[in-house]
């Protein structure tokens, strides 16, 4: 049987029965997204790797108890977000920045050095603005903007109410617009 043709839920069912090949497929399928979510939330490469690995360990350990109420990715993202929030609580005394990660603001032309430099500068400005958001606002924006989750999916992933997510996103985007407006007006 071709593992790529199985749904995430079918893979989880096989993992519950001890299927290591199925677990490998699940990790391969979702590791980049889990890592990216952790990296965008924490801003530190090494911590993001640890968090994404721990998330998959938890997925494996929970396979027998897994009963899909939402998409698998929603459940996985919730595990990653909770681990990130736990990590931030542990490291509260040290500010965590997002400056190490450049995100999805890719250059339009890999051959144009000016375009590459402009894109890099935009990335720095956006992440500097993201650092000014509190941790809940940042998590909501990362899940919504960079992972494409709907308000309902963000609520399901974080455990917050949908109205709380909507309020957070409105407030977060207002803060980001205000912060980024400074750079637009300064010509940077």
Protein backbone atom coordinates (compact mmCIF):
# COMPACT_ATOMS: atom_id res chain seq x y z
CA UNK A 1 0.00 0.00 0.00
CA UNK A 2 1.26 3.46 -0.91
CA UNK A 3 1.55 5.46 2.32
CA UNK A 4 1.26 8.76 0.45
CA UNK A 5 -2.31 7.88 -0.52
CA UNK A 6 -3.41 7.47 3.12
CA UNK A 7 -5.08 10.32 4.98
CA UNK A 8 -3.53 11.67 8.15
CA UNK A 9 -6.28 9.97 10.15
CA UNK A 10 -5.54 6.62 8.49
CA UNK A 11 -1.86 7.07 9.27
CA UNK A 12 -2.69 7.82 12.91
CA UNK A 13 -4.80 4.67 13.09
CA UNK A 14 -1.89 2.61 11.73
CA UNK A 15 0.52 4.33 14.15
CA UNK A 16 -1.76 3.33 17.02
CA UNK A 17 -1.17 -0.26 15.91
CA UNK A 18 2.62 0.25 15.95
CA UNK A 19 3.13 1.36 12.35
CA UNK A 20 6.55 3.00 12.22
CA UNK A 21 6.53 3.46 8.44
CA UNK A 22 3.23 5.33 8.79
CA UNK A 23 4.74 7.49 11.53
CA UNK A 24 7.65 8.29 9.24
CA UNK A 25 5.22 9.32 6.51
CA UNK A 26 3.28 11.54 8.92
CA UNK A 27 6.48 13.24 10.09
CA UNK A 28 7.71 13.73 6.52
CA UNK A 29 4.34 15.18 5.55
CA UNK A 30 4.12 17.73 8.39
CA UNK A 31 7.57 18.36 9.86
CA UNK A 32 8.31 21.50 7.84
CA UNK A 33 5.03 23.15 8.86
CA UNK A 34 5.45 22.20 12.52
CA UNK A 35 9.01 23.53 12.51
CA UNK A 36 8.00 26.75 10.73
CA UNK A 37 5.21 27.38 13.23
CA UNK A 38 7.60 26.87 16.17
CA UNK A 39 10.27 29.03 14.55
CA UNK A 40 7.88 31.87 13.79
CA UNK A 41 6.49 31.70 17.31
CA UNK A 42 9.78 31.42 19.19
CA UNK A 43 12.21 33.02 16.77
CA UNK A 44 15.01 30.61 17.67
CA UNK A 45 16.09 27.84 15.32
CA UNK A 46 17.35 25.42 17.97
CA UNK A 47 14.26 25.77 20.15
CA UNK A 48 12.01 25.35 17.12
CA UNK A 49 13.76 22.07 16.25
CA UNK A 50 13.34 20.82 19.81
CA UNK A 51 9.69 21.84 19.90
CA UNK A 52 8.82 20.23 16.58
CA UNK A 53 10.57 16.98 17.59
CA UNK A 54 8.77 16.96 20.94
CA UNK A 55 5.46 17.60 19.16
CA UNK A 56 5.92 14.49 17.00
CA UNK A 57 6.93 12.44 20.03
CA UNK A 58 3.65 13.50 21.62
CA UNK A 59 1.76 12.62 18.46
CA UNK A 60 3.32 9.15 18.51
CA UNK A 61 2.63 8.62 22.21
CA UNK A 62 -0.97 9.80 21.82
CA UNK A 63 -1.78 7.76 18.71
CA UNK A 64 -3.91 5.21 20.58
CA UNK A 65 -5.96 7.99 22.20
CA UNK A 66 -6.30 10.05 19.01
CA UNK A 67 -9.90 10.52 17.90
CA UNK A 68 -10.20 13.14 15.15
CA UNK A 69 -12.56 15.96 16.06
CA UNK A 70 -10.84 18.36 13.68
CA UNK A 71 -8.21 18.11 10.97
CA UNK A 72 -4.99 16.39 12.05
CA UNK A 73 -3.02 19.57 11.33
CA UNK A 74 -5.23 21.53 13.72
CA UNK A 75 -4.41 19.03 16.46
CA UNK A 76 -0.69 19.05 15.58
CA UNK A 77 -0.58 22.88 15.51
CA UNK A 78 -2.24 22.97 18.92
CA UNK A 79 0.47 20.71 20.32
CA UNK A 80 3.19 22.90 18.78
CA UNK A 81 1.59 26.14 20.01
CA UNK A 82 1.17 24.77 23.53
CA UNK A 83 4.80 23.62 23.61
CA UNK A 84 5.90 27.06 22.36
CA UNK A 85 3.82 28.85 24.98
CA UNK A 86 5.29 26.56 27.67
CA UNK A 87 8.78 27.38 26.39
CA UNK A 88 8.04 31.11 26.48
CA UNK A 89 6.80 30.83 30.05
CA UNK A 90 10.04 29.07 31.00
CA UNK A 91 12.16 31.71 29.29
CA UNK A 92 10.12 34.76 30.32
CA UNK A 93 13.18 36.55 31.67
CA UNK A 94 14.88 36.45 28.25
CA UNK A 95 13.19 38.30 25.37
CA UNK A 96 12.67 36.08 22.36
CA UNK A 97 12.96 37.75 18.97
CA UNK A 98 11.93 36.73 15.52
CA UNK A 99 14.89 38.28 13.80
CA UNK A 100 16.60 34.95 13.04
CA UNK A 101 13.81 33.86 10.73
CA UNK A 102 13.00 35.62 7.53
CA UNK A 103 9.61 34.04 6.87
CA UNK A 104 7.75 33.80 3.58
CA UNK A 105 8.70 37.17 2.15
CA UNK A 106 10.71 35.62 -0.65
CA UNK A 107 12.46 37.64 -3.29
CA UNK A 108 10.70 37.83 -6.63
CA UNK A 109 13.97 37.43 -8.52
CA UNK A 110 16.84 35.32 -7.27
CA UNK A 111 19.10 36.84 -9.94
CA UNK A 112 18.51 40.49 -9.04
CA UNK A 113 20.79 41.53 -6.16
CA UNK A 114 18.86 44.76 -5.57
CA UNK A 115 15.57 42.87 -5.29
CA UNK A 116 17.19 40.40 -2.91
CA UNK A 117 18.48 43.21 -0.68
CA UNK A 118 15.11 44.97 -0.72
CA UNK A 119 13.36 41.74 0.23
CA UNK A 120 15.81 41.11 3.07
CA UNK A 121 15.24 44.64 4.37
CA UNK A 122 11.45 44.15 4.24
CA UNK A 123 11.80 40.88 6.16
CA UNK A 124 13.76 42.61 8.91
CA UNK A 125 11.19 45.38 9.18
CA UNK A 126 8.25 42.95 9.35
CA UNK A 127 9.90 40.77 11.99
CA UNK A 128 10.90 43.81 14.02
CA UNK A 129 7.24 44.83 14.02
CA UNK A 130 6.17 41.27 14.91
CA UNK A 131 8.47 41.34 17.94
CA UNK A 132 6.40 44.19 19.38
CA UNK A 133 3.28 42.02 19.56
CA UNK A 134 2.59 40.12 22.78
CA UNK A 135 2.84 36.33 22.64
CA UNK A 136 -0.90 35.71 22.10
CA UNK A 137 -1.07 38.30 19.32
CA UNK A 138 2.03 36.85 17.67
CA UNK A 139 0.70 33.28 17.81
CA UNK A 140 -2.63 34.38 16.31
CA UNK A 141 -0.92 36.28 13.47
CA UNK A 142 1.54 33.45 12.72
CA UNK A 143 -1.24 30.87 12.53
CA UNK A 144 -3.58 33.11 10.51
CA UNK A 145 -1.18 34.91 8.18
CA UNK A 146 1.71 32.50 7.71
CA UNK A 147 -0.09 29.17 8.04
CA UNK A 148 -3.36 30.23 6.41
CA UNK A 149 -5.66 29.08 9.20
CA UNK A 150 -9.16 30.52 9.38
CA UNK A 151 -10.35 32.25 12.55
CA UNK A 152 -12.17 29.06 13.57
CA UNK A 153 -9.06 26.95 12.95
CA UNK A 154 -6.89 29.35 14.99
CA UNK A 155 -9.45 29.12 17.80
CA UNK A 156 -9.45 25.34 17.63
CA UNK A 157 -5.65 25.20 17.54
CA UNK A 158 -5.11 27.54 20.47
CA UNK A 159 -8.13 26.69 22.58
CA UNK A 160 -9.23 30.33 22.55
CA UNK A 161 -12.76 31.37 21.59
CA UNK A 162 -13.31 32.46 18.00
CA UNK A 163 -14.35 35.94 19.16
CA UNK A 164 -11.10 36.19 21.19
CA UNK A 165 -9.11 35.20 18.09
CA UNK A 166 -10.95 37.73 15.94
CA UNK A 167 -10.32 40.46 18.51
CA UNK A 168 -6.65 39.49 18.80
CA UNK A 169 -6.20 39.55 15.04
CA UNK A 170 -7.88 42.93 14.62
CA UNK A 171 -5.73 44.41 17.38
CA UNK A 172 -2.57 42.71 16.09
CA UNK A 173 -3.02 43.83 12.50
CA UNK A 174 -3.75 47.39 13.68
CA UNK A 175 -0.51 47.38 15.69
CA UNK A 176 1.44 45.97 12.75
CA UNK A 177 -0.03 48.52 10.32
CA UNK A 178 0.82 51.35 12.72
CA UNK A 179 4.36 50.05 13.24
CA UNK A 180 4.98 49.43 9.53
CA UNK A 181 3.54 52.83 8.60
CA UNK A 182 6.56 54.42 10.35
CA UNK A 183 8.88 52.66 7.91
CA UNK A 184 6.74 53.51 4.90
CA UNK A 185 6.82 57.19 5.80
CA UNK A 186 10.54 57.18 6.60
CA UNK A 187 11.40 55.69 3.20
CA UNK A 188 13.13 52.61 4.64
